[in-house]
Amino acid sequence: MSKSDLKARPIFHRKRDSIEAHLTIVFAALAIARTIEAQTGVSIQQFVKTVRPIRSGTVILNGRTYQAEAQIPESVANLIQKLRVVH
């Protein structure tokens, strides 16, 4: 998976602290992606494509607040369950 798959823009850093922070984030994301792939048996690209449409949020109508809970399909619930397993 690449930045274009994630629709991420290019990042240009000039200061050492910014470069190191960016690399830390990139390596953390790589570690998380590899963990997701290992535990679910699904590529990170397919995992992102599967879970991206799931949304939740808060709706305010006439001063009242309502929670819009996500509808999680069974296939996604199974993937999430695989991530909860601790080895």
C-alpha atoms as a PDB file:
ATOM      1  CA  MET A   1       0.000   0.000   0.000  1.00  0.00           C
ATOM      2  CA  SER A   2       1.296   3.434  -0.817  1.00  0.00           C
ATOM      3  CA  LYS A   3       0.494   7.019   0.065  1.00  0.00           C
ATOM      4  CA  SER A   4      -1.581   7.239  -3.112  1.00  0.00           C
ATOM      5  CA  ASP A   5      -3.730   4.314  -1.902  1.00  0.00           C
ATOM      6  CA  LEU A   6      -4.394   6.257   1.297  1.00  0.00           C
ATOM      7  CA  LYS A   7      -4.879   9.496  -0.650  1.00  0.00           C
ATOM      8  CA  ALA A   8      -2.070  11.057   1.396  1.00  0.00           C
ATOM      9  CA  ARG A   9      -0.241  14.094   0.156  1.00  0.00           C
ATOM     10  CA  PRO A  10       3.555  14.271  -0.086  1.00  0.00           C
ATOM     11  CA  ILE A  11       5.336  15.527   3.004  1.00  0.00           C
ATOM     12  CA  PHE A  12       8.437  17.717   2.780  1.00  0.00           C
ATOM     13  CA  HIS A  13      10.456  18.283   5.965  1.00  0.00           C
ATOM     14  CA  ARG A  14      13.615  20.306   6.393  1.00  0.00           C
ATOM     15  CA  LYS A  15      14.281  20.233  10.138  1.00  0.00           C
ATOM     16  CA  ARG A  16      15.726  17.179  11.852  1.00  0.00           C
ATOM     17  CA  ASP A  17      12.971  17.048  14.501  1.00  0.00           C
ATOM     18  CA  SER A  18      10.270  17.094  11.809  1.00  0.00           C
ATOM     19  CA  ILE A  19      12.014  14.375   9.804  1.00  0.00           C
ATOM     20  CA  GLU A  20      12.428  12.148  12.874  1.00  0.00           C
ATOM     21  CA  ALA A  21       8.804  12.693  13.925  1.00  0.00           C
ATOM     22  CA  HIS A  22       7.598  11.809  10.444  1.00  0.00           C
ATOM     23  CA  LEU A  23       9.721   8.646  10.336  1.00  0.00           C
ATOM     24  CA  THR A  24       8.421   7.631  13.764  1.00  0.00           C
ATOM     25  CA  ILE A  25       4.836   7.959  12.554  1.00  0.00           C
ATOM     26  CA  VAL A  26       5.589   6.063   9.335  1.00  0.00           C
ATOM     27  CA  PHE A  27       7.256   3.170  11.181  1.00  0.00           C
ATOM     28  CA  ALA A  28       4.449   3.041  13.752  1.00  0.00           C
ATOM     29  CA  ALA A  29       1.911   2.872  10.909  1.00  0.00           C
ATOM     30  CA  LEU A  30       3.944   0.102   9.257  1.00  0.00           C
ATOM     31  CA  ALA A  31       4.030  -1.889  12.514  1.00  0.00           C
ATOM     32  CA  ILE A  32       0.269  -1.477  12.938  1.00  0.00           C
ATOM     33  CA  ALA A  33      -0.360  -2.496   9.313  1.00  0.00           C
ATOM     34  CA  ARG A  34       1.795  -5.622   9.664  1.00  0.00           C
ATOM     35  CA  THR A  35       0.015  -6.549  12.899  1.00  0.00           C
ATOM     36  CA  ILE A  36      -3.396  -6.161  11.235  1.00  0.00           C
ATOM     37  CA  GLU A  37      -2.270  -8.309   8.303  1.00  0.00           C
ATOM     38  CA  ALA A  38      -0.820 -11.000  10.569  1.00  0.00           C
ATOM     39  CA  GLN A  39      -3.833 -11.224  12.877  1.00  0.00           C
ATOM     40  CA  THR A  40      -6.605 -10.992  10.271  1.00  0.00           C
ATOM     41  CA  GLY A  41      -5.009 -12.766   7.314  1.00  0.00           C
ATOM     42  CA  VAL A  42      -6.176  -9.864   5.099  1.00  0.00           C
ATOM     43  CA  SER A  43      -3.936  -7.390   3.284  1.00  0.00           C
ATOM     44  CA  ILE A  44      -3.871  -3.900   4.757  1.00  0.00           C
ATOM     45  CA  GLN A  45      -5.240  -2.538   1.484  1.00  0.00           C
ATOM     46  CA  GLN A  46      -8.260  -4.860   1.674  1.00  0.00           C
ATOM     47  CA  PHE A  47      -8.713  -4.125   5.402  1.00  0.00           C
ATOM     48  CA  VAL A  48      -8.788  -0.353   4.808  1.00  0.00           C
ATOM     49  CA  LYS A  49     -11.164  -0.778   1.867  1.00  0.00           C
ATOM     50  CA  THR A  50     -13.478  -2.896   4.040  1.00  0.00           C
ATOM     51  CA  VAL A  51     -13.608  -0.657   7.129  1.00  0.00           C
ATOM     52  CA  ARG A  52     -13.416   2.787   5.447  1.00  0.00           C
ATOM     53  CA  PRO A  53     -17.201   3.090   4.814  1.00  0.00           C
ATOM     54  CA  ILE A  54     -18.041   2.490   8.499  1.00  0.00           C
ATOM     55  CA  ARG A  55     -18.838   5.802  10.169  1.00  0.00           C
ATOM     56  CA  SER A  56     -20.359   7.091  13.386  1.00  0.00           C
ATOM     57  CA  GLY A  57     -21.017  10.602  14.545  1.00  0.00           C
ATOM     58  CA  THR A  58     -23.069  13.104  16.475  1.00  0.00           C
ATOM     59  CA  VAL A  59     -26.133  14.836  15.048  1.00  0.00           C
ATOM     60  CA  ILE A  60     -27.643  17.949  16.631  1.00  0.00           C
ATOM     61  CA  LEU A  61     -31.268  18.719  15.717  1.00  0.00           C
ATOM     62  CA  ASN A  62     -33.270  21.503  17.369  1.00  0.00           C
ATOM     63  CA  GLY A  63     -30.768  21.674  20.211  1.00  0.00           C
ATOM     64  CA  ARG A  64     -30.924  17.940  20.972  1.00  0.00           C
ATOM     65  CA  THR A  65     -27.885  15.724  20.490  1.00  0.00           C
ATOM     66  CA  TYR A  66     -28.172  12.255  18.968  1.00  0.00           C
ATOM     67  CA  GLN A  67     -25.461   9.653  18.537  1.00  0.00           C
ATOM     68  CA  ALA A  68     -25.376   8.069  15.073  1.00  0.00           C
ATOM     69  CA  GLU A  69     -23.879   4.665  15.801  1.00  0.00           C
ATOM     70  CA  ALA A  70     -22.037   2.765  13.095  1.00  0.00           C
ATOM     71  CA  GLN A  71     -23.685  -0.244  11.509  1.00  0.00           C
ATOM     72  CA  ILE A  72     -20.947  -2.869  11.548  1.00  0.00           C
ATOM     73  CA  PRO A  73     -21.443  -5.759   9.094  1.00  0.00           C
ATOM     74  CA  GLU A  74     -20.724  -9.246  10.366  1.00  0.00           C
ATOM     75  CA  SER A  75     -17.692  -9.595   8.072  1.00  0.00           C
ATOM     76  CA  VAL A  76     -16.115  -6.502   9.655  1.00  0.00           C
ATOM     77  CA  ALA A  77     -17.074  -7.649  13.157  1.00  0.00           C
ATOM     78  CA  ASN A  78     -15.182 -10.887  12.474  1.00  0.00           C
ATOM     79  CA  LEU A  79     -12.055  -8.942  11.432  1.00  0.00           C
ATOM     80  CA  ILE A  80     -12.264  -6.777  14.554  1.00  0.00           C
ATOM     81  CA  GLN A  81     -12.658  -9.876  16.715  1.00  0.00           C
ATOM     82  CA  LYS A  82      -9.440 -11.285  15.232  1.00  0.00           C
ATOM     83  CA  LEU A  83      -7.644  -8.076  16.250  1.00  0.00           C
ATOM     84  CA  ARG A  84      -8.836  -8.445  19.844  1.00  0.00           C
ATOM     85  CA  VAL A  85      -7.150 -11.816  20.267  1.00  0.00           C
ATOM     86  CA  VAL A  86      -4.030 -11.433  22.387  1.00  0.00           C
ATOM     87  CA  HIS A  87      -1.193 -13.862  21.722  1.00  0.00           C
END
